[in-house]
Structure formats: C-alpha cells, structure tokens
Amino acid sequence: MQTRKRISQAGSLGAMLVSVLLAGAVHMGHAQQPDYLSSLSPAESKRFDAIVDAEKPLGSDAWRMEYLKQSPRHHEIIRLDGAGRRREALVTMPLTHERSAVVLLIPEDQGIGNWAYDMADQIAAMGYIVIAPDFLSGYGANGGGRGTFTDIKSVMVALMHLKEADLQADISAWADYAQKLPQANGKLAIAGFGWGGGRAFNFALQRKDLSAIYIFYDTAPPAERLSELSAPVYGFYAEHDPRVSRSLEGTKTAMQAAAKKYEPIVYPGSDHMFMRLGEEPGNTNSANILARSQAMARLQLLLQNM
C-alpha cells in the first residue's frame, strides 16, 4: 500500500457533515433493488463472479472514507432533473477563491464507490473542480443511485445494461453544467478510468470544448472516428493489460494519420487498474505503487499546462 500524507486540517463543519453524508451514500443499501442479475447467461454470470472474486484479496476499501472525513474540501451531491429521471453527480471543490478548470471524472465499472469519491478529492486537491457522474442515478432501489446497490456484481451488470447513448447524454449534461459554474474558468477536461476510459474517449469525439482528454487503461474508439477529436489525448496504460496493450500500436498509427496529438505512456510492470491498486492494502505488486505515483505526478503537470 502506498502511504499518503494525511490531511491535518480538519475542515469546516459543513465539509465534515458532507463527509458523513458521502459515507452513507456509498454504503447504504435497501430492499427493492432491481434484479439486474437475472438477465445474465450462466457464462456471463460466471465471468462477473470471476471479476468479483479477484477483488476479494484486496479487502474492504472503507479506509478511503476516513481520508475523506479529514478533507477540508467541499463535497456535494448535485441533482439535475430531466431525461425522464434524476441525474446525480459528486461535485468536489478545490480550496481556492480563483476560478478553476473542471475535470469530469468517469470512474471504472464499479461506479461512484469509495475509490471514485477519494480520487475526486485528490484531483480537487490539485486545484480543480471535479464532477463525477453517478450513471446509476434513478436505477437503484426506490429510484436511488450507486449508493443503494448492495453488491458490486449488480453494479457492474447494471452499468453494462446502460445504453452508450444514454451514458454520453449524461456526461454531456454534466459538461454543460460545468461550463455554467460561476467558479469555473472555462477550461474543461475529462479523465476516464478503465470502463470509464472508454466512455470518456467516446465523449471526446462529440464534445468540441474539451481542453484535454486523459485515458487510463482502456481502448480507443474505431480508427475512422479519431479524426473527430478536438483536444489532445494523454494515455496512462499498464504493462500487464493484454486487451488494452494489443490495441496501442494501432491507436498510435491511427492518431498519427489523423494528425491528432496522442501521448501514451505504459508504466512498466503495472497491472490494469494500477491507479486503484497502487493504494490498496492488499496490493502485492510494487510496480503498481510506482506507476500510480508517476501517473499522479504526470496528471498534475498536464493539468497545470492545460
């Protein structure tokens, strides 16, 4: 586990109250959760079980909420009405009185769980407004979101069932919201992780007001569509990630042919999801710790130069 310097400032009463609210939002679970698992074939169910089983050695990540409780930054769940359901997102504000760039954070296929809350706080600590959409808003028990799901497998399956067009509409709605924030300076970036990396890359094809695109360990859209990009793409990839690694040379070639800026880095010895694994107590690969540290430093520098 990579040790992270704890924040000594206790934060305002409001920030502490929000931290308690966030902890409840992530961990609560109620009856009447829609049954997303019944749609799976036996083979699909087995595949998801294997993913969940691979997570078990890592143990609980509830420790991340302890860091959030110490954060002096303001965290808030914002709701947008429309699209026939409510849209919700975590909005984390930096400690600055100046206008800031906005980073749309698109998490991996576990949705807005403890890691996403923690990662949003860490990027906000760099001085940026972070908006992390909850794509499961309105799809959980009693119309709730990610926090009402009682198990990770159901979260992953529910996200799999969402239509790409609906996901992109959600991101677009939050991008529009970001550009209207009085605290925003007009610069907008998107950072996607794993499953979220693919969603972020697809979004970048249609959104022309992005200043930068940060893709963490996922594949690119079809080569014939990459000419639609209007912002530079910075890739953060693991060495031990065959599905993604096999695609990188083709992506490099296609981006060069389209005259688009693409700067991928593969972090030696690292595993898929190293941005999460590098801090987990159950991580057994030291390369993940180094990769995460280097990637965070690179992300901060890229954001500064955006």
Protein backbone atom coordinates (compact mmCIF):
# COMPACT_ATOMS: atom_id res chain seq x y z
CA MET A 1 0.00 0.00 0.00
CA GLN A 2 1.30 3.45 -0.85
CA THR A 3 1.26 5.73 2.19
CA ARG A 4 -0.47 9.01 1.56
CA LYS A 5 0.15 12.02 3.73
CA ARG A 6 -2.93 12.57 5.84
CA ILE A 7 -4.57 15.96 5.70
CA SER A 8 -4.01 17.65 9.02
CA GLN A 9 -6.65 20.34 8.57
CA ALA A 10 -9.89 19.05 10.00
CA GLY A 11 -12.03 21.06 7.62
CA SER A 12 -15.19 23.05 8.21
CA LEU A 13 -18.24 21.69 9.96
CA GLY A 14 -20.02 21.69 6.61
CA ALA A 15 -17.27 19.62 5.00
CA MET A 16 -17.38 17.11 7.85
CA LEU A 17 -21.15 16.81 7.60
CA VAL A 18 -20.88 16.20 3.87
CA SER A 19 -18.24 13.53 4.51
CA VAL A 20 -20.67 11.72 6.76
CA LEU A 21 -23.34 12.05 4.09
CA LEU A 22 -20.98 10.62 1.46
CA ALA A 23 -20.10 7.67 3.65
CA GLY A 24 -23.77 6.87 3.98
CA ALA A 25 -24.38 7.34 0.29
CA VAL A 26 -21.74 4.81 -0.64
CA HIS A 27 -22.53 2.13 1.90
CA MET A 28 -26.28 2.19 2.38
CA GLY A 29 -28.40 -0.48 0.78
CA HIS A 30 -32.12 -1.19 0.86
CA ALA A 31 -34.59 -3.74 -0.38
CA GLN A 32 -36.34 -3.48 -3.74
CA GLN A 33 -33.12 -3.25 -5.70
CA PRO A 34 -33.92 -4.11 -9.34
CA ASP A 35 -32.80 -7.60 -10.28
CA TYR A 36 -30.16 -6.98 -12.93
CA LEU A 37 -28.51 -10.35 -12.42
CA SER A 38 -31.40 -12.44 -13.75
CA SER A 39 -30.67 -11.26 -17.29
CA LEU A 40 -27.23 -12.89 -17.30
CA SER A 41 -26.50 -16.15 -19.03
CA PRO A 42 -24.62 -18.74 -16.93
CA ALA A 43 -21.42 -17.92 -18.79
CA GLU A 44 -21.85 -14.18 -18.25
CA SER A 45 -22.63 -14.70 -14.58
CA LYS A 46 -19.50 -16.80 -14.17
CA ARG A 47 -17.40 -14.09 -15.84
CA PHE A 48 -18.65 -11.43 -13.44
CA ASP A 49 -18.14 -13.77 -10.49
CA ALA A 50 -14.51 -14.16 -11.51
CA ILE A 51 -14.07 -10.38 -11.52
CA VAL A 52 -15.64 -10.07 -8.07
CA ASP A 53 -13.54 -12.95 -6.73
CA ALA A 54 -10.37 -11.26 -7.98
CA GLU A 55 -11.26 -8.22 -5.87
CA LYS A 56 -11.68 -10.15 -2.62
CA PRO A 57 -7.98 -10.35 -1.67
CA LEU A 58 -7.86 -6.56 -1.69
CA GLY A 59 -10.29 -6.41 1.21
CA SER A 60 -12.55 -3.51 2.09
CA ASP A 61 -11.76 -0.02 0.84
CA ALA A 62 -13.75 1.68 3.59
CA TRP A 63 -10.45 3.22 4.73
CA ARG A 64 -10.77 5.70 1.89
CA MET A 65 -13.73 7.31 3.60
CA GLU A 66 -11.52 8.01 6.61
CA TYR A 67 -9.33 10.16 4.39
CA LEU A 68 -12.38 11.97 3.08
CA LYS A 69 -13.56 12.75 6.60
CA GLN A 70 -10.30 14.64 7.08
CA SER A 71 -10.50 16.52 3.79
CA PRO A 72 -11.02 20.28 4.04
CA ARG A 73 -12.59 20.34 0.58
CA HIS A 74 -16.31 20.68 -0.03
CA HIS A 75 -18.12 17.64 -1.45
CA GLU A 76 -21.71 17.78 -2.57
CA ILE A 77 -24.20 15.59 -4.41
CA ILE A 78 -25.81 17.70 -7.13
CA ARG A 79 -29.01 16.72 -8.89
CA LEU A 80 -30.10 17.62 -12.40
CA ASP A 81 -33.67 16.90 -13.40
CA GLY A 82 -34.53 15.78 -16.89
CA ALA A 83 -34.16 12.81 -19.23
CA GLY A 84 -37.16 11.20 -17.53
CA ARG A 85 -35.13 10.57 -14.38
CA ARG A 86 -32.88 12.36 -11.97
CA ARG A 87 -29.20 12.74 -12.73
CA GLU A 88 -26.80 12.97 -9.83
CA ALA A 89 -23.08 13.62 -9.56
CA LEU A 90 -20.48 14.17 -6.90
CA VAL A 91 -19.05 17.67 -7.14
CA THR A 92 -15.81 18.33 -5.26
CA MET A 93 -14.48 21.87 -4.95
CA PRO A 94 -10.83 22.92 -4.54
CA LEU A 95 -9.60 25.23 -1.79
CA THR A 96 -9.24 28.36 -3.88
CA HIS A 97 -11.03 31.64 -4.39
CA GLU A 98 -9.92 31.79 -8.00
CA ARG A 99 -11.81 30.31 -10.91
CA SER A 100 -10.69 26.78 -11.75
CA ALA A 101 -10.74 24.32 -14.61
CA VAL A 102 -13.25 21.48 -14.38
CA VAL A 103 -12.36 17.80 -14.65
CA LEU A 104 -15.09 15.32 -15.48
CA LEU A 105 -14.14 12.10 -13.70
CA ILE A 106 -15.57 8.95 -15.29
CA PRO A 107 -14.91 6.01 -12.95
CA GLU A 108 -14.29 2.35 -13.61
CA ASP A 109 -17.05 -0.26 -13.76
CA GLN A 110 -17.67 -0.15 -10.02
CA GLY A 111 -19.31 3.24 -10.43
CA ILE A 112 -19.22 6.00 -7.85
CA GLY A 113 -17.84 3.93 -4.98
CA ASN A 114 -15.28 4.80 -2.35
CA TRP A 115 -12.40 4.94 -4.82
CA ALA A 116 -14.19 7.42 -7.08
CA TYR A 117 -15.01 9.69 -4.13
CA ASP A 118 -11.40 9.52 -2.98
CA MET A 119 -9.95 10.11 -6.45
CA ALA A 120 -12.20 13.12 -6.97
CA ASP A 121 -10.90 14.59 -3.73
CA GLN A 122 -7.28 14.00 -4.75
CA ILE A 123 -7.74 15.78 -8.09
CA ALA A 124 -9.58 18.63 -6.36
CA ALA A 125 -6.57 18.89 -4.03
CA MET A 126 -4.54 19.78 -7.14
CA GLY A 127 -6.76 22.85 -7.56
CA TYR A 128 -9.55 21.70 -9.88
CA ILE A 129 -13.31 21.34 -9.71
CA VAL A 130 -14.19 17.68 -10.14
CA ILE A 131 -17.54 16.35 -11.32
CA ALA A 132 -18.09 12.58 -11.12
CA PRO A 133 -21.43 11.49 -12.61
CA ASP A 134 -23.40 8.68 -10.99
CA PHE A 135 -24.63 6.85 -14.08
CA LEU A 136 -26.83 4.63 -11.91
CA SER A 137 -28.88 7.54 -10.60
CA GLY A 138 -32.52 6.52 -10.84
CA TYR A 139 -31.71 2.86 -11.49
CA GLY A 140 -31.26 1.65 -7.92
CA ALA A 141 -33.69 0.76 -5.14
CA ASN A 142 -36.55 3.24 -4.86
CA GLY A 143 -35.10 5.27 -7.73
CA GLY A 144 -31.75 5.71 -5.98
CA GLY A 145 -28.29 5.55 -7.44
CA ARG A 146 -24.99 3.72 -6.93
CA GLY A 147 -25.20 4.01 -3.15
CA THR A 148 -28.36 1.92 -2.98
CA PHE A 149 -26.79 -1.12 -4.68
CA THR A 150 -25.99 -3.88 -2.24
CA ASP A 151 -23.25 -5.72 -4.15
CA ILE A 152 -20.54 -4.95 -6.70
CA LYS A 153 -21.69 -7.57 -9.19
CA SER A 154 -25.08 -5.87 -9.53
CA VAL A 155 -23.34 -2.52 -10.02
CA MET A 156 -21.21 -3.85 -12.86
CA VAL A 157 -24.11 -5.62 -14.54
CA ALA A 158 -26.37 -2.56 -14.22
CA LEU A 159 -23.73 -0.37 -15.86
CA MET A 160 -23.34 -2.94 -18.64
CA HIS A 161 -27.07 -2.67 -19.37
CA LEU A 162 -26.98 1.09 -19.89
CA LYS A 163 -27.05 2.30 -23.48
CA GLU A 164 -23.98 4.15 -24.70
CA ALA A 165 -26.17 6.98 -25.99
CA ASP A 166 -27.66 7.46 -22.52
CA LEU A 167 -24.22 7.43 -20.90
CA GLN A 168 -22.99 10.04 -23.35
CA ALA A 169 -26.09 12.18 -22.75
CA ASP A 170 -25.39 12.09 -19.02
CA ILE A 171 -21.78 13.17 -19.49
CA SER A 172 -22.88 15.93 -21.84
CA ALA A 173 -25.42 17.21 -19.31
CA TRP A 174 -22.71 17.44 -16.65
CA ALA A 175 -20.29 19.10 -19.08
CA ASP A 176 -22.95 21.76 -19.76
CA TYR A 177 -23.43 22.16 -16.02
CA ALA A 178 -19.68 22.52 -15.55
CA GLN A 179 -19.39 25.31 -18.07
CA LYS A 180 -22.07 27.31 -16.26
CA LEU A 181 -20.48 27.10 -12.82
CA PRO A 182 -19.51 30.58 -11.59
CA GLN A 183 -16.34 29.07 -10.07
CA ALA A 184 -15.23 27.60 -13.44
CA ASN A 185 -12.70 29.32 -15.70
CA GLY A 186 -13.98 27.86 -18.97
CA LYS A 187 -11.45 25.03 -19.30
CA LEU A 188 -12.93 21.55 -19.33
CA ALA A 189 -11.11 18.21 -19.25
CA ILE A 190 -12.23 14.61 -18.95
CA ALA A 191 -10.45 11.75 -17.19
CA GLY A 192 -11.73 8.20 -17.59
CA PHE A 193 -10.55 5.08 -15.78
CA GLY A 194 -10.99 1.53 -17.09
CA TRP A 195 -14.59 1.20 -18.26
CA GLY A 196 -14.83 4.95 -17.78
CA GLY A 197 -11.86 5.46 -20.07
CA GLY A 198 -13.84 4.11 -22.99
CA ARG A 199 -16.80 6.32 -22.12
CA ALA A 200 -14.52 9.36 -21.87
CA PHE A 201 -12.84 8.62 -25.22
CA ASN A 202 -16.24 8.28 -26.92
CA PHE A 203 -17.43 11.53 -25.35
CA ALA A 204 -14.37 13.36 -26.64
CA LEU A 205 -15.40 12.54 -30.21
CA GLN A 206 -18.51 14.67 -29.93
CA ARG A 207 -17.52 17.41 -27.48
CA LYS A 208 -15.62 20.28 -29.06
CA ASP A 209 -14.96 22.41 -25.98
CA LEU A 210 -12.63 19.98 -24.21
CA SER A 211 -9.13 21.20 -23.40
CA ALA A 212 -7.64 17.78 -22.65
CA ILE A 213 -8.51 14.07 -22.53
CA TYR A 214 -6.92 11.67 -20.03
CA ILE A 215 -7.45 7.97 -20.67
CA PHE A 216 -6.46 5.41 -18.08
CA TYR A 217 -6.14 1.83 -19.32
CA ASP A 218 -8.87 1.42 -21.93
CA THR A 219 -9.03 1.13 -25.69
CA ALA A 220 -9.75 3.86 -28.23
CA PRO A 221 -12.83 4.27 -30.45
CA PRO A 222 -12.68 2.94 -34.03
CA ALA A 223 -9.76 4.38 -36.00
CA GLU A 224 -12.03 6.00 -38.58
CA ARG A 225 -13.59 8.20 -35.89
CA LEU A 226 -10.43 9.55 -34.28
CA SER A 227 -10.31 12.46 -36.73
CA GLU A 228 -13.31 13.86 -34.82
CA LEU A 229 -11.19 14.57 -31.75
CA SER A 230 -10.59 18.24 -31.00
CA ALA A 231 -8.33 18.01 -27.92
CA PRO A 232 -5.04 16.26 -27.11
CA VAL A 233 -5.23 12.75 -25.65
CA TYR A 234 -2.90 11.56 -22.90
CA GLY A 235 -2.84 7.82 -22.22
CA PHE A 236 -1.93 6.09 -18.97
CA TYR A 237 -1.51 2.34 -19.53
CA ALA A 238 -0.48 -0.77 -17.64
CA GLU A 239 2.12 -3.19 -18.95
CA HIS A 240 0.15 -6.23 -17.80
CA ASP A 241 -3.13 -5.43 -19.55
CA PRO A 242 -3.26 -7.52 -22.76
CA ARG A 243 -6.65 -6.36 -24.08
CA VAL A 244 -5.56 -2.73 -23.99
CA SER A 245 -1.88 -3.20 -24.75
CA ARG A 246 -2.62 -5.04 -28.00
CA SER A 247 -4.55 -2.00 -29.24
CA LEU A 248 -1.96 0.69 -28.55
CA GLU A 249 0.14 0.45 -31.72
CA GLY A 250 -2.97 0.64 -33.86
CA THR A 251 -4.20 3.65 -31.89
CA LYS A 252 -0.84 5.39 -32.29
CA THR A 253 -0.90 4.81 -36.05
CA ALA A 254 -4.49 5.99 -36.41
CA MET A 255 -3.93 9.10 -34.30
CA GLN A 256 -0.83 9.99 -36.32
CA ALA A 257 -2.74 9.52 -39.57
CA ALA A 258 -5.49 11.79 -38.25
CA ALA A 259 -2.89 14.39 -37.17
CA LYS A 260 -4.12 14.25 -33.58
CA LYS A 261 -1.96 14.67 -30.51
CA TYR A 262 -1.66 11.41 -28.60
CA GLU A 263 0.87 10.81 -25.84
CA PRO A 264 0.59 7.31 -24.34
CA ILE A 265 2.79 6.04 -21.55
CA VAL A 266 2.96 2.40 -20.46
CA TYR A 267 4.04 2.02 -16.85
CA PRO A 268 6.49 -0.91 -16.50
CA GLY A 269 5.34 -3.91 -14.51
CA SER A 270 1.98 -2.38 -13.63
CA ASP A 271 -1.43 -4.04 -13.70
CA HIS A 272 -4.77 -2.92 -15.06
CA MET A 273 -6.35 -0.51 -12.55
CA PHE A 274 -2.99 0.49 -11.07
CA MET A 275 -4.45 3.85 -10.06
CA ARG A 276 -6.60 1.99 -7.54
CA LEU A 277 -4.35 -0.98 -6.84
CA GLY A 278 -1.36 1.22 -6.04
CA GLU A 279 -3.02 2.36 -2.82
CA GLU A 280 -4.81 -0.80 -1.78
CA PRO A 281 -3.53 -2.58 1.36
CA GLY A 282 -3.94 -5.92 -0.43
CA ASN A 283 -1.85 -4.94 -3.45
CA THR A 284 1.09 -7.32 -3.94
CA ASN A 285 2.76 -5.66 -6.93
CA SER A 286 5.12 -2.82 -6.03
CA ALA A 287 5.10 -1.68 -9.67
CA ASN A 288 1.51 -0.55 -9.17
CA ILE A 289 2.62 1.78 -6.39
CA LEU A 290 5.31 3.36 -8.56
CA ALA A 291 3.00 3.57 -11.58
CA ARG A 292 0.32 5.31 -9.57
CA SER A 293 2.78 7.80 -8.11
CA GLN A 294 4.24 8.62 -11.52
CA ALA A 295 0.82 8.84 -13.15
CA MET A 296 -0.50 11.21 -10.48
CA ALA A 297 2.54 13.47 -10.90
CA ARG A 298 2.10 13.42 -14.67
CA LEU A 299 -1.62 14.17 -14.43
CA GLN A 300 -0.95 17.12 -12.15
CA LEU A 301 1.66 18.53 -14.54
CA LEU A 302 -0.61 18.05 -17.56
CA LEU A 303 -3.49 19.79 -15.78
CA GLN A 304 -1.24 22.69 -14.87
CA ASN A 305 -0.21 23.09 -18.50
CA MET A 306 -3.71 22.59 -19.93
